[in-house]
Amino acid sequence: MRKDSIGYRHSEHSVGFATLHLVWILKRRKPVLKGDIKLRLSEILDSVAHDKNWIIKAKEIASDHVHLLVEYDEKTSIDVVKAFKGRSSKLLRDEFPELKKLPSLWTRSYFYDTSGKVSTSNVMAYINDPHHERH
């Protein structure tokens, strides 16, 4: 896996960039994510990201909630691609016999990217803003 100058991840059959802004809160918003608990949670989150080959772009652990901005790879997005490409290939080849002459309908390659109303840099700035601990 390598990244180009724009930040896209390149693997054997895909090029792309995808981030996910995650937020979750503690039950009853108990403010317990402090001190050693906060440090250990941070280690655990880093470990999960490392094991999955994800990159935590921004992380804020407040006393009662967590914000993460996670960049993920093609292994995560591939299930979506497989679903669309797989079903469409099967049904089209079943319905249009001339397509069966092709060794396969689609290449193994694909592009992935996320789009949204808020840019990655804005989410990172929000997560990195120390506003969380003022509660």
N, C-alpha and C. Protein backbone atom coordinates (compact mmCIF):
# COMPACT_ATOMS: atom_id res chain seq x y z
N MET A 1 0.86 -1.17 0.00
CA MET A 1 0.00 0.00 0.00
C MET A 1 0.90 1.23 0.00
N ARG A 2 0.65 2.13 -0.92
CA ARG A 2 1.39 3.39 -0.97
C ARG A 2 0.40 4.53 -1.17
N LYS A 3 0.86 5.75 -0.88
CA LYS A 3 0.02 6.93 -1.07
C LYS A 3 0.69 7.82 -2.10
N ASP A 4 -0.13 8.49 -2.92
CA ASP A 4 0.41 9.43 -3.88
C ASP A 4 0.40 10.84 -3.29
N SER A 5 0.80 11.82 -4.08
CA SER A 5 0.91 13.20 -3.57
C SER A 5 -0.44 13.80 -3.19
N ILE A 6 -1.53 13.27 -3.73
CA ILE A 6 -2.86 13.78 -3.39
C ILE A 6 -3.37 13.12 -2.11
N GLY A 7 -2.78 11.99 -1.73
CA GLY A 7 -3.21 11.28 -0.53
C GLY A 7 -3.99 10.02 -0.83
N TYR A 8 -4.18 9.70 -2.11
CA TYR A 8 -4.88 8.47 -2.46
C TYR A 8 -4.03 7.26 -2.13
N ARG A 9 -4.68 6.25 -1.61
CA ARG A 9 -4.02 4.98 -1.35
C ARG A 9 -4.06 4.15 -2.63
N HIS A 10 -2.94 3.53 -2.95
CA HIS A 10 -2.86 2.68 -4.13
C HIS A 10 -2.55 1.26 -3.68
N SER A 11 -3.33 0.32 -4.16
CA SER A 11 -3.01 -1.09 -3.94
C SER A 11 -3.03 -1.75 -5.32
N GLU A 12 -2.94 -3.06 -5.36
CA GLU A 12 -2.83 -3.75 -6.64
C GLU A 12 -3.99 -3.45 -7.60
N HIS A 13 -5.21 -3.37 -7.07
CA HIS A 13 -6.38 -3.21 -7.94
C HIS A 13 -7.27 -2.03 -7.57
N SER A 14 -6.79 -1.13 -6.71
CA SER A 14 -7.65 -0.02 -6.35
C SER A 14 -6.85 1.23 -6.05
N VAL A 15 -7.52 2.35 -6.21
CA VAL A 15 -6.99 3.65 -5.85
C VAL A 15 -8.12 4.38 -5.14
N GLY A 16 -7.81 5.00 -4.02
CA GLY A 16 -8.89 5.74 -3.38
C GLY A 16 -8.51 6.34 -2.05
N PHE A 17 -9.51 6.98 -1.48
CA PHE A 17 -9.36 7.64 -0.18
C PHE A 17 -10.73 7.66 0.47
N ALA A 18 -10.80 7.16 1.65
CA ALA A 18 -12.08 7.16 2.36
C ALA A 18 -11.84 7.41 3.84
N THR A 19 -12.59 8.31 4.40
CA THR A 19 -12.51 8.57 5.84
C THR A 19 -13.90 8.47 6.44
N LEU A 20 -13.91 8.18 7.70
CA LEU A 20 -15.15 8.03 8.44
C LEU A 20 -15.03 8.80 9.74
N HIS A 21 -15.97 9.68 10.01
CA HIS A 21 -16.01 10.41 11.28
C HIS A 21 -16.92 9.64 12.21
N LEU A 22 -16.36 9.13 13.28
CA LEU A 22 -17.11 8.34 14.25
C LEU A 22 -17.23 9.10 15.56
N VAL A 23 -18.38 9.01 16.17
CA VAL A 23 -18.61 9.59 17.49
C VAL A 23 -19.44 8.58 18.27
N TRP A 24 -19.00 8.29 19.49
CA TRP A 24 -19.85 7.48 20.36
C TRP A 24 -19.71 7.96 21.79
N ILE A 25 -20.79 7.75 22.56
CA ILE A 25 -20.84 8.27 23.92
C ILE A 25 -20.96 7.11 24.90
N LEU A 26 -20.60 7.41 26.13
CA LEU A 26 -20.75 6.44 27.21
C LEU A 26 -22.21 6.37 27.66
N LYS A 27 -22.61 5.22 28.07
CA LYS A 27 -23.96 5.05 28.60
C LYS A 27 -24.17 6.04 29.75
N ARG A 28 -25.26 6.71 29.72
CA ARG A 28 -25.63 7.74 30.72
C ARG A 28 -24.60 8.88 30.79
N ARG A 29 -23.77 8.97 29.76
CA ARG A 29 -22.75 10.03 29.66
C ARG A 29 -21.90 10.15 30.91
N LYS A 30 -21.62 9.01 31.54
CA LYS A 30 -20.76 9.00 32.73
C LYS A 30 -19.36 9.49 32.35
N PRO A 31 -18.82 10.50 33.03
CA PRO A 31 -17.51 11.06 32.68
C PRO A 31 -16.35 10.24 33.26
N VAL A 32 -16.12 9.06 32.70
CA VAL A 32 -15.11 8.17 33.27
C VAL A 32 -13.85 8.02 32.40
N LEU A 33 -13.85 8.61 31.23
CA LEU A 33 -12.69 8.46 30.35
C LEU A 33 -11.62 9.49 30.72
N LYS A 34 -10.94 9.21 31.81
CA LYS A 34 -9.93 10.11 32.35
C LYS A 34 -8.71 9.29 32.77
N GLY A 35 -7.58 9.95 32.90
CA GLY A 35 -6.38 9.33 33.44
C GLY A 35 -5.98 8.05 32.72
N ASP A 36 -5.74 6.99 33.52
CA ASP A 36 -5.30 5.71 32.97
C ASP A 36 -6.32 5.08 32.03
N ILE A 37 -7.60 5.29 32.30
CA ILE A 37 -8.65 4.72 31.43
C ILE A 37 -8.57 5.38 30.05
N LYS A 38 -8.41 6.69 30.03
CA LYS A 38 -8.29 7.42 28.77
C LYS A 38 -7.05 6.97 27.99
N LEU A 39 -5.94 6.85 28.68
CA LEU A 39 -4.70 6.40 28.04
C LEU A 39 -4.85 5.00 27.46
N ARG A 40 -5.45 4.09 28.23
CA ARG A 40 -5.62 2.71 27.75
C ARG A 40 -6.58 2.65 26.57
N LEU A 41 -7.67 3.43 26.60
CA LEU A 41 -8.59 3.48 25.48
C LEU A 41 -7.87 3.95 24.23
N SER A 42 -7.04 4.96 24.36
CA SER A 42 -6.27 5.47 23.23
C SER A 42 -5.38 4.37 22.64
N GLU A 43 -4.71 3.62 23.50
CA GLU A 43 -3.87 2.50 23.05
C GLU A 43 -4.69 1.45 22.31
N ILE A 44 -5.86 1.13 22.86
CA ILE A 44 -6.73 0.12 22.25
C ILE A 44 -7.19 0.58 20.87
N LEU A 45 -7.62 1.84 20.76
CA LEU A 45 -8.06 2.37 19.47
C LEU A 45 -6.93 2.33 18.45
N ASP A 46 -5.72 2.71 18.89
CA ASP A 46 -4.56 2.67 17.99
C ASP A 46 -4.27 1.24 17.55
N SER A 47 -4.42 0.30 18.45
CA SER A 47 -4.17 -1.10 18.14
C SER A 47 -5.15 -1.64 17.11
N VAL A 48 -6.42 -1.31 17.28
CA VAL A 48 -7.44 -1.74 16.31
C VAL A 48 -7.11 -1.17 14.94
N ALA A 49 -6.78 0.12 14.89
CA ALA A 49 -6.46 0.75 13.61
C ALA A 49 -5.24 0.09 12.97
N HIS A 50 -4.23 -0.17 13.75
CA HIS A 50 -3.03 -0.83 13.24
C HIS A 50 -3.35 -2.20 12.68
N ASP A 51 -4.11 -2.99 13.43
CA ASP A 51 -4.46 -4.35 12.99
C ASP A 51 -5.27 -4.35 11.70
N LYS A 52 -6.09 -3.33 11.49
CA LYS A 52 -6.97 -3.26 10.32
C LYS A 52 -6.34 -2.48 9.17
N ASN A 53 -5.12 -1.95 9.39
CA ASN A 53 -4.44 -1.12 8.40
C ASN A 53 -5.23 0.16 8.12
N TRP A 54 -5.84 0.71 9.16
CA TRP A 54 -6.53 1.99 9.08
C TRP A 54 -5.63 3.05 9.70
N ILE A 55 -5.88 4.29 9.37
CA ILE A 55 -5.10 5.40 9.92
C ILE A 55 -6.04 6.31 10.70
N ILE A 56 -5.74 6.52 11.96
CA ILE A 56 -6.52 7.48 12.75
C ILE A 56 -5.95 8.86 12.44
N LYS A 57 -6.73 9.65 11.72
CA LYS A 57 -6.30 10.98 11.30
C LYS A 57 -6.46 11.98 12.44
N ALA A 58 -7.48 11.78 13.27
CA ALA A 58 -7.72 12.65 14.42
C ALA A 58 -8.44 11.82 15.47
N LYS A 59 -8.11 12.10 16.73
CA LYS A 59 -8.71 11.35 17.84
C LYS A 59 -8.88 12.29 19.01
N GLU A 60 -10.06 12.32 19.57
CA GLU A 60 -10.33 13.09 20.79
C GLU A 60 -11.11 12.20 21.73
N ILE A 61 -10.54 11.98 22.90
CA ILE A 61 -11.23 11.21 23.92
C ILE A 61 -11.61 12.19 25.02
N ALA A 62 -12.88 12.54 25.05
CA ALA A 62 -13.39 13.41 26.10
C ALA A 62 -13.80 12.53 27.28
N SER A 63 -14.17 13.11 28.37
CA SER A 63 -14.50 12.32 29.56
C SER A 63 -15.73 11.44 29.37
N ASP A 64 -16.61 11.82 28.42
CA ASP A 64 -17.85 11.04 28.25
C ASP A 64 -18.15 10.63 26.80
N HIS A 65 -17.23 10.92 25.88
CA HIS A 65 -17.44 10.51 24.49
C HIS A 65 -16.13 10.47 23.72
N VAL A 66 -16.20 9.87 22.53
CA VAL A 66 -15.02 9.69 21.69
C VAL A 66 -15.33 10.19 20.28
N HIS A 67 -14.36 10.89 19.69
CA HIS A 67 -14.42 11.30 18.28
C HIS A 67 -13.21 10.67 17.59
N LEU A 68 -13.45 10.04 16.44
CA LEU A 68 -12.36 9.53 15.62
C LEU A 68 -12.60 9.93 14.17
N LEU A 69 -11.54 10.27 13.49
CA LEU A 69 -11.57 10.40 12.04
C LEU A 69 -10.62 9.33 11.52
N VAL A 70 -11.19 8.35 10.85
CA VAL A 70 -10.44 7.16 10.45
C VAL A 70 -10.38 7.07 8.93
N GLU A 71 -9.17 6.92 8.43
CA GLU A 71 -8.99 6.64 7.01
C GLU A 71 -8.91 5.13 6.86
N TYR A 72 -9.74 4.59 5.97
CA TYR A 72 -9.73 3.15 5.80
C TYR A 72 -9.36 2.80 4.37
N ASP A 73 -9.14 1.51 4.14
CA ASP A 73 -8.59 1.09 2.86
C ASP A 73 -9.58 0.30 2.02
N GLU A 74 -9.07 -0.22 0.94
CA GLU A 74 -9.92 -0.93 -0.01
C GLU A 74 -10.50 -2.21 0.55
N LYS A 75 -9.87 -2.80 1.55
CA LYS A 75 -10.42 -4.02 2.13
C LYS A 75 -11.78 -3.75 2.77
N THR A 76 -11.95 -2.56 3.28
CA THR A 76 -13.22 -2.19 3.89
C THR A 76 -14.26 -1.85 2.83
N SER A 77 -13.82 -1.17 1.79
CA SER A 77 -14.76 -0.76 0.75
C SER A 77 -15.06 -1.88 -0.25
N ILE A 78 -14.23 -2.92 -0.26
CA ILE A 78 -14.38 -3.95 -1.29
C ILE A 78 -15.70 -4.70 -1.20
N ASP A 79 -16.28 -4.87 -0.02
CA ASP A 79 -17.56 -5.56 0.09
C ASP A 79 -18.66 -4.84 -0.70
N VAL A 80 -18.63 -3.52 -0.68
CA VAL A 80 -19.60 -2.74 -1.44
C VAL A 80 -19.38 -2.95 -2.93
N VAL A 81 -18.12 -2.86 -3.34
CA VAL A 81 -17.79 -3.03 -4.75
C VAL A 81 -18.16 -4.44 -5.22
N LYS A 82 -17.81 -5.45 -4.43
CA LYS A 82 -18.13 -6.83 -4.80
C LYS A 82 -19.63 -7.03 -4.97
N ALA A 83 -20.42 -6.43 -4.11
CA ALA A 83 -21.88 -6.59 -4.18
C ALA A 83 -22.43 -6.05 -5.50
N PHE A 84 -22.01 -4.84 -5.86
CA PHE A 84 -22.51 -4.24 -7.10
C PHE A 84 -21.95 -4.93 -8.34
N LYS A 85 -20.64 -5.14 -8.36
CA LYS A 85 -20.03 -5.75 -9.54
C LYS A 85 -20.45 -7.21 -9.69
N GLY A 86 -20.51 -7.93 -8.59
CA GLY A 86 -20.85 -9.34 -8.65
C GLY A 86 -22.26 -9.60 -9.15
N ARG A 87 -23.23 -8.93 -8.54
CA ARG A 87 -24.62 -9.16 -8.94
C ARG A 87 -24.89 -8.66 -10.36
N SER A 88 -24.35 -7.48 -10.68
CA SER A 88 -24.59 -6.95 -12.02
C SER A 88 -23.96 -7.85 -13.08
N SER A 89 -22.78 -8.38 -12.81
CA SER A 89 -22.13 -9.28 -13.77
C SER A 89 -22.97 -10.53 -13.99
N LYS A 90 -23.40 -11.14 -12.91
CA LYS A 90 -24.17 -12.39 -13.02
C LYS A 90 -25.48 -12.16 -13.77
N LEU A 91 -26.23 -11.15 -13.36
CA LEU A 91 -27.53 -10.93 -13.98
C LEU A 91 -27.41 -10.48 -15.44
N LEU A 92 -26.48 -9.60 -15.74
CA LEU A 92 -26.32 -9.15 -17.13
C LEU A 92 -25.88 -10.30 -18.03
N ARG A 93 -24.96 -11.12 -17.53
CA ARG A 93 -24.48 -12.25 -18.35
C ARG A 93 -25.58 -13.30 -18.52
N ASP A 94 -26.44 -13.45 -17.52
CA ASP A 94 -27.57 -14.37 -17.65
C ASP A 94 -28.61 -13.85 -18.65
N GLU A 95 -28.83 -12.55 -18.62
CA GLU A 95 -29.87 -11.94 -19.46
C GLU A 95 -29.39 -11.61 -20.88
N PHE A 96 -28.09 -11.43 -21.04
CA PHE A 96 -27.53 -11.08 -22.35
C PHE A 96 -26.42 -12.07 -22.69
N PRO A 97 -26.77 -13.19 -23.32
CA PRO A 97 -25.82 -14.27 -23.58
C PRO A 97 -24.55 -13.82 -24.32
N GLU A 98 -24.65 -12.77 -25.13
CA GLU A 98 -23.45 -12.31 -25.85
C GLU A 98 -22.34 -11.85 -24.89
N LEU A 99 -22.73 -11.47 -23.67
CA LEU A 99 -21.73 -11.04 -22.68
C LEU A 99 -20.94 -12.23 -22.11
N LYS A 100 -21.47 -13.43 -22.28
CA LYS A 100 -20.76 -14.61 -21.78
C LYS A 100 -19.51 -14.91 -22.60
N LYS A 101 -19.40 -14.29 -23.78
CA LYS A 101 -18.20 -14.47 -24.61
C LYS A 101 -16.99 -13.79 -23.97
N LEU A 102 -17.24 -12.80 -23.13
CA LEU A 102 -16.15 -12.11 -22.43
C LEU A 102 -15.67 -12.97 -21.26
N PRO A 103 -14.36 -13.00 -21.01
CA PRO A 103 -13.88 -13.81 -19.88
C PRO A 103 -14.45 -13.33 -18.53
N SER A 104 -14.67 -12.04 -18.41
CA SER A 104 -15.36 -11.48 -17.25
C SER A 104 -15.94 -10.14 -17.68
N LEU A 105 -16.92 -9.66 -16.94
CA LEU A 105 -17.57 -8.41 -17.33
C LEU A 105 -16.77 -7.20 -16.83
N TRP A 106 -16.32 -7.26 -15.61
CA TRP A 106 -15.61 -6.13 -14.99
C TRP A 106 -14.15 -6.48 -14.75
N THR A 107 -13.30 -5.45 -14.70
CA THR A 107 -11.93 -5.66 -14.24
C THR A 107 -11.96 -5.81 -12.73
N ARG A 108 -10.83 -6.18 -12.16
CA ARG A 108 -10.77 -6.29 -10.70
C ARG A 108 -10.50 -4.93 -10.05
N SER A 109 -10.21 -3.94 -10.84
CA SER A 109 -9.84 -2.63 -10.31
C SER A 109 -11.05 -1.76 -10.02
N TYR A 110 -10.87 -0.79 -9.11
CA TYR A 110 -11.93 0.16 -8.80
C TYR A 110 -11.35 1.35 -8.06
N PHE A 111 -12.10 2.43 -8.02
CA PHE A 111 -11.74 3.64 -7.31
C PHE A 111 -12.74 3.82 -6.18
N TYR A 112 -12.28 4.30 -5.05
CA TYR A 112 -13.20 4.59 -3.95
C TYR A 112 -12.84 5.93 -3.32
N ASP A 113 -13.83 6.62 -2.85
CA ASP A 113 -13.66 7.92 -2.21
C ASP A 113 -14.93 8.20 -1.44
N THR A 114 -14.83 8.96 -0.39
CA THR A 114 -16.03 9.35 0.32
C THR A 114 -16.36 10.79 -0.08
N SER A 115 -17.59 11.11 0.00
CA SER A 115 -17.99 12.48 -0.27
C SER A 115 -19.00 12.88 0.79
N GLY A 116 -18.96 14.10 1.12
CA GLY A 116 -19.88 14.59 2.13
C GLY A 116 -19.91 16.09 2.13
N LYS A 117 -20.70 16.65 3.00
CA LYS A 117 -20.83 18.09 3.06
C LYS A 117 -19.70 18.74 3.86
N VAL A 118 -19.02 17.94 4.68
CA VAL A 118 -17.96 18.47 5.52
C VAL A 118 -16.64 17.87 5.06
N SER A 119 -15.66 18.70 4.81
CA SER A 119 -14.37 18.20 4.35
C SER A 119 -13.62 17.51 5.48
N THR A 120 -12.70 16.64 5.10
CA THR A 120 -11.87 15.94 6.08
C THR A 120 -11.11 16.92 6.95
N SER A 121 -10.58 17.99 6.35
CA SER A 121 -9.82 18.96 7.14
C SER A 121 -10.71 19.66 8.16
N ASN A 122 -11.96 19.92 7.83
CA ASN A 122 -12.88 20.54 8.79
C ASN A 122 -13.19 19.58 9.95
N VAL A 123 -13.38 18.31 9.63
CA VAL A 123 -13.63 17.33 10.70
C VAL A 123 -12.41 17.21 11.60
N MET A 124 -11.22 17.16 10.99
CA MET A 124 -10.00 17.08 11.80
C MET A 124 -9.87 18.30 12.72
N ALA A 125 -10.14 19.48 12.20
CA ALA A 125 -10.07 20.70 13.00
C ALA A 125 -11.06 20.65 14.16
N TYR A 126 -12.26 20.15 13.89
CA TYR A 126 -13.28 20.05 14.93
C TYR A 126 -12.85 19.08 16.02
N ILE A 127 -12.37 17.91 15.62
CA ILE A 127 -11.96 16.90 16.60
C ILE A 127 -10.77 17.40 17.41
N ASN A 128 -9.83 18.07 16.78
CA ASN A 128 -8.63 18.55 17.47
C ASN A 128 -8.86 19.80 18.30
N ASP A 129 -9.99 20.44 18.16
CA ASP A 129 -10.32 21.60 18.97
C ASP A 129 -10.54 21.14 20.41
N PRO A 130 -9.92 21.79 21.38
CA PRO A 130 -10.03 21.34 22.78
C PRO A 130 -11.39 21.62 23.43
N HIS A 131 -12.41 21.92 22.67
CA HIS A 131 -13.73 22.26 23.22
C HIS A 131 -14.36 21.13 24.01
N HIS A 132 -13.96 19.89 23.75
CA HIS A 132 -14.61 18.73 24.36
C HIS A 132 -14.50 18.69 25.89
N GLU A 133 -13.42 19.14 26.42
CA GLU A 133 -13.20 19.02 27.86
C GLU A 133 -13.76 20.17 28.66
N ARG A 134 -14.44 21.11 28.03
CA ARG A 134 -15.02 22.23 28.77
C ARG A 134 -16.31 21.86 29.48
N HIS A 135 -16.86 20.68 29.21
CA HIS A 135 -18.15 20.30 29.82
C HIS A 135 -18.03 20.15 31.31
